[in-house]
Amino acid sequence: MLHFRAFSLLVLLASLSACQLLTPSASPTQPALRMQGTITNSEGQWVFQQCNRPNAYIINSSSALDQEFVPLITAAPNGFFADLSGDLDAAQQRFTPTQRYRLEIEGHDCSDPDFARLQLRASGNEPAWSILQTPRGLIFNQIGEAALVLPYIEEQLPNGRFHLSSQANNQNLDIWITTQQCIDNMSGAVYHLQAKLQWNQQTFNGCAAFGALRD
């Protein structure tokens, strides 16, 4: 997908106004750990190198993940970016993914300055567009147009779906997010969400993934 880097989130958003038991009876279930990094293949095993850390883990993969990994490693033999959550066995240096947020050959990787401030990033092609959801507003980017910062309402729908809408400045924006695998038709990137954007009577399809502020 075509990515928009001309506008900083910080600049645009400026326009919008335990106690512990000594002898616990049972160990609590560890929550899934979300990590970003680079995936490579070494001697038939998938290796996950965590962003900005020396840690590397063998991935306990599945046939479904293998089907997503293989086309990407074929296109990028030196590795591809992954945003995953799952169960970490640090002692055995193994990571078992339980959620795949996004897999990308290029674009928003370990150096992405906006990831930590995002709830959601959605984007599509032909024409290229992107929407960044933050706690303080939506940032809507289109090719050849100035970025728009819009207030919005979020509506929760059944089956993990949700709807974002804005009617600011006499312009109507609606975006529906569905929990379903989405593969970008230009880059081959894999996302965990599908997006449908309606903007002033025009409809566009795309993919989406949660940012750091949303799981």
Protein backbone atom coordinates (compact mmCIF):
# COMPACT_ATOMS: atom_id res chain seq x y z
CA MET A 1 0.00 0.00 0.00
CA LEU A 2 1.02 3.55 -0.49
CA HIS A 3 1.87 5.14 2.83
CA PHE A 4 1.56 8.76 3.89
CA ARG A 5 4.48 10.23 5.82
CA ALA A 6 4.15 13.94 5.11
CA PHE A 7 2.20 14.72 8.26
CA SER A 8 3.24 14.04 11.83
CA LEU A 9 0.55 12.86 14.22
CA LEU A 10 1.78 15.29 16.82
CA VAL A 11 1.40 18.24 14.46
CA LEU A 12 -2.01 17.26 13.13
CA LEU A 13 -3.54 16.35 16.45
CA ALA A 14 -2.53 19.71 17.89
CA SER A 15 -5.46 21.09 15.96
CA LEU A 16 -7.94 19.07 18.11
CA SER A 17 -8.74 20.27 21.19
CA ALA A 18 -1.90 -3.44 44.01
CA CYS A 19 -1.39 -5.85 46.41
CA GLN A 20 0.40 -9.18 46.05
CA LEU A 21 -0.37 -12.32 48.12
CA LEU A 22 2.62 -13.93 49.81
CA THR A 23 1.44 -17.43 48.96
CA PRO A 24 -0.91 -17.32 45.96
CA SER A 25 -3.07 -20.40 45.54
CA ALA A 26 -2.53 -20.55 41.78
CA SER A 27 -0.45 -18.84 39.15
CA PRO A 28 -2.50 -16.41 37.05
CA THR A 29 -2.81 -17.03 33.34
CA GLN A 30 -0.27 -14.95 31.48
CA PRO A 31 -1.86 -12.59 28.94
CA ALA A 32 -0.82 -12.82 25.32
CA LEU A 33 2.29 -10.77 24.63
CA ARG A 34 2.24 -8.45 21.62
CA MET A 35 5.54 -7.94 19.83
CA GLN A 36 6.81 -6.45 16.58
CA GLY A 37 9.86 -7.62 14.68
CA THR A 38 11.35 -9.27 11.61
CA ILE A 39 10.68 -12.84 10.53
CA THR A 40 13.30 -14.83 8.65
CA ASN A 41 13.64 -18.50 7.77
CA SER A 42 16.66 -20.46 8.95
CA GLU A 43 17.07 -24.17 8.20
CA GLY A 44 13.33 -24.60 7.79
CA GLN A 45 12.40 -22.75 10.99
CA TRP A 46 10.75 -19.36 11.29
CA VAL A 47 12.83 -16.99 13.43
CA PHE A 48 11.34 -13.85 15.00
CA GLN A 49 13.81 -11.03 15.78
CA GLN A 50 12.14 -8.53 18.11
CA CYS A 51 12.28 -4.83 17.20
CA ASN A 52 15.10 -2.86 18.83
CA ARG A 53 16.12 -5.77 21.08
CA PRO A 54 18.63 -8.60 20.81
CA ASN A 55 15.93 -11.18 21.51
CA ALA A 56 15.24 -13.79 18.81
CA TYR A 57 12.72 -16.63 19.10
CA ILE A 58 11.80 -19.72 17.12
CA ILE A 59 8.16 -19.47 16.04
CA ASN A 60 5.88 -22.40 16.79
CA SER A 61 3.99 -21.98 13.55
CA SER A 62 0.79 -23.46 12.14
CA SER A 63 -0.22 -24.46 8.64
CA ALA A 64 -2.33 -21.30 8.38
CA LEU A 65 0.61 -19.08 9.33
CA ASP A 66 2.94 -21.00 7.01
CA GLN A 67 0.61 -20.22 4.11
CA GLU A 68 0.91 -16.52 4.90
CA PHE A 69 4.65 -16.54 5.62
CA VAL A 70 5.84 -18.42 2.52
CA PRO A 71 4.79 -15.86 -0.16
CA LEU A 72 6.33 -13.05 1.88
CA ILE A 73 9.68 -14.75 2.50
CA THR A 74 9.77 -15.69 -1.20
CA ALA A 75 9.37 -12.02 -2.13
CA ALA A 76 11.68 -10.81 0.66
CA PRO A 77 14.35 -13.48 1.41
CA ASN A 78 16.04 -11.22 3.98
CA GLY A 79 12.88 -11.12 6.07
CA PHE A 80 9.60 -9.30 6.50
CA PHE A 81 7.97 -7.26 9.27
CA ALA A 82 5.47 -8.90 11.62
CA ASP A 83 3.16 -7.58 14.33
CA LEU A 84 2.05 -10.58 16.40
CA SER A 85 0.71 -11.51 19.80
CA GLY A 86 0.99 -14.87 21.49
CA ASP A 87 2.59 -16.99 24.18
CA LEU A 88 6.29 -16.55 24.88
CA ASP A 89 8.48 -19.27 26.37
CA ALA A 90 11.59 -17.23 27.11
CA ALA A 91 13.43 -20.19 28.63
CA GLN A 92 13.05 -22.23 25.46
CA GLN A 93 13.31 -19.14 23.23
CA ARG A 94 10.06 -20.02 21.50
CA PHE A 95 7.06 -17.91 20.56
CA THR A 96 3.62 -19.30 19.71
CA PRO A 97 1.49 -16.69 17.87
CA THR A 98 -2.20 -16.53 18.73
CA GLN A 99 -2.97 -13.37 16.72
CA ARG A 100 -1.46 -11.99 13.56
CA TYR A 101 -2.09 -8.26 13.22
CA ARG A 102 -0.05 -7.57 10.10
CA LEU A 103 2.75 -8.94 7.94
CA GLU A 104 4.49 -6.48 5.61
CA ILE A 105 7.45 -6.49 3.26
CA GLU A 106 7.66 -2.70 3.23
CA GLY A 107 5.91 0.23 4.83
CA HIS A 108 5.26 0.65 8.55
CA ASP A 109 7.99 -1.38 10.25
CA CYS A 110 10.03 -1.16 13.48
CA SER A 111 10.84 2.48 12.75
CA ASP A 112 7.18 3.57 12.46
CA PRO A 113 6.90 6.78 14.57
CA ASP A 114 3.09 6.67 14.72
CA PHE A 115 2.41 3.12 15.89
CA ALA A 116 2.54 3.88 19.63
CA ARG A 117 -0.13 6.60 19.28
CA LEU A 118 -2.59 4.71 17.06
CA GLN A 119 -5.74 2.76 17.79
CA LEU A 120 -6.17 1.73 14.15
CA ARG A 121 -4.59 2.24 10.73
CA ALA A 122 -6.67 1.50 7.62
CA SER A 123 -5.63 2.00 4.00
CA GLY A 124 -6.46 1.07 0.44
CA ASN A 125 -5.46 1.49 -3.19
CA GLU A 126 -6.76 2.93 -6.46
CA PRO A 127 -6.97 5.66 -5.36
CA ALA A 128 -4.58 5.47 -2.42
CA TRP A 129 -6.06 6.51 0.95
CA SER A 130 -5.37 5.97 4.63
CA ILE A 131 -7.16 6.63 7.90
CA LEU A 132 -5.41 6.82 11.26
CA GLN A 133 -7.60 6.49 14.36
CA THR A 134 -6.30 8.15 17.50
CA PRO A 135 -8.02 8.96 20.81
CA ARG A 136 -8.28 12.59 19.68
CA GLY A 137 -9.49 12.26 16.10
CA LEU A 138 -9.30 10.61 12.70
CA ILE A 139 -6.60 11.61 10.22
CA PHE A 140 -7.79 11.05 6.66
CA ASN A 141 -5.18 11.10 3.89
CA GLN A 142 -5.81 11.04 0.14
CA ILE A 143 -3.39 11.38 -2.76
CA GLY A 144 -3.19 14.98 -3.92
CA GLU A 145 -5.26 16.32 -1.02
CA ALA A 146 -4.43 17.98 2.28
CA ALA A 147 -4.81 15.66 5.26
CA LEU A 148 -8.06 16.08 7.19
CA VAL A 149 -8.33 15.80 10.97
CA LEU A 150 -11.88 14.86 11.94
CA PRO A 151 -13.80 14.24 15.16
CA TYR A 152 -15.61 10.90 15.10
CA ILE A 153 -18.07 8.55 16.78
CA GLU A 154 -17.32 4.85 17.25
CA GLU A 155 -20.10 2.26 17.25
CA GLN A 156 -19.52 -1.32 18.37
CA LEU A 157 -21.20 -4.01 16.23
CA PRO A 158 -21.65 -7.78 16.66
CA ASN A 159 -18.85 -10.28 15.97
CA GLY A 160 -16.03 -7.87 16.76
CA ARG A 161 -16.99 -5.40 14.04
CA PHE A 162 -17.13 -1.66 14.57
CA HIS A 163 -18.04 1.52 12.70
CA LEU A 164 -16.36 4.94 12.74
CA SER A 165 -18.24 7.97 11.43
CA SER A 166 -17.74 11.71 11.06
CA GLN A 167 -19.93 14.47 9.65
CA ALA A 168 -17.62 17.41 10.23
CA ASN A 169 -17.40 20.30 7.77
CA ASN A 170 -20.48 19.11 5.84
CA GLN A 171 -18.58 16.02 4.68
CA ASN A 172 -19.60 12.46 5.47
CA LEU A 173 -17.09 9.75 6.34
CA ASP A 174 -17.97 6.21 7.39
CA ILE A 175 -15.60 3.29 7.79
CA TRP A 176 -16.67 -0.23 8.72
CA ILE A 177 -14.09 -2.61 10.20
CA THR A 178 -14.56 -6.38 10.01
CA THR A 179 -12.52 -9.10 11.70
CA GLN A 180 -11.39 -11.01 8.64
CA GLN A 181 -8.06 -11.68 6.92
CA CYS A 182 -7.21 -9.04 4.32
CA ILE A 183 -4.41 -9.24 1.74
CA ASP A 184 -3.30 -6.04 0.04
CA ASN A 185 -3.65 -6.56 -3.70
CA MET A 186 -0.56 -4.50 -4.53
CA SER A 187 2.00 -5.29 -1.83
CA GLY A 188 0.87 -8.74 -0.69
CA ALA A 189 0.82 -7.55 2.93
CA VAL A 190 -1.48 -9.49 5.26
CA TYR A 191 -3.75 -7.83 7.83
CA HIS A 192 -6.21 -9.11 10.40
CA LEU A 193 -9.00 -6.67 9.50
CA GLN A 194 -10.96 -5.64 6.41
CA ALA A 195 -12.02 -2.02 5.95
CA LYS A 196 -14.80 -0.46 3.88
CA LEU A 197 -14.67 3.32 3.53
CA GLN A 198 -17.54 5.52 2.36
CA TRP A 199 -16.53 9.10 1.67
CA ASN A 200 -19.04 11.58 0.19
CA GLN A 201 -21.01 8.90 -1.70
CA GLN A 202 -17.88 7.05 -2.87
CA THR A 203 -17.00 3.59 -1.55
CA PHE A 204 -13.47 2.15 -1.23
CA ASN A 205 -12.19 -1.16 0.12
CA GLY A 206 -8.99 -1.73 2.06
CA CYS A 207 -7.26 -3.45 4.94
CA ALA A 208 -6.65 -2.44 8.55
CA ALA A 209 -4.76 -3.36 11.71
CA PHE A 210 -4.84 -2.25 15.33
CA GLY A 211 -2.21 0.16 16.57
CA ALA A 212 -0.48 -0.07 19.94
CA LEU A 213 -3.45 1.47 21.78
CA ARG A 214 -5.86 -1.31 20.81
CA ASP A 215 -5.85 -5.11 21.03
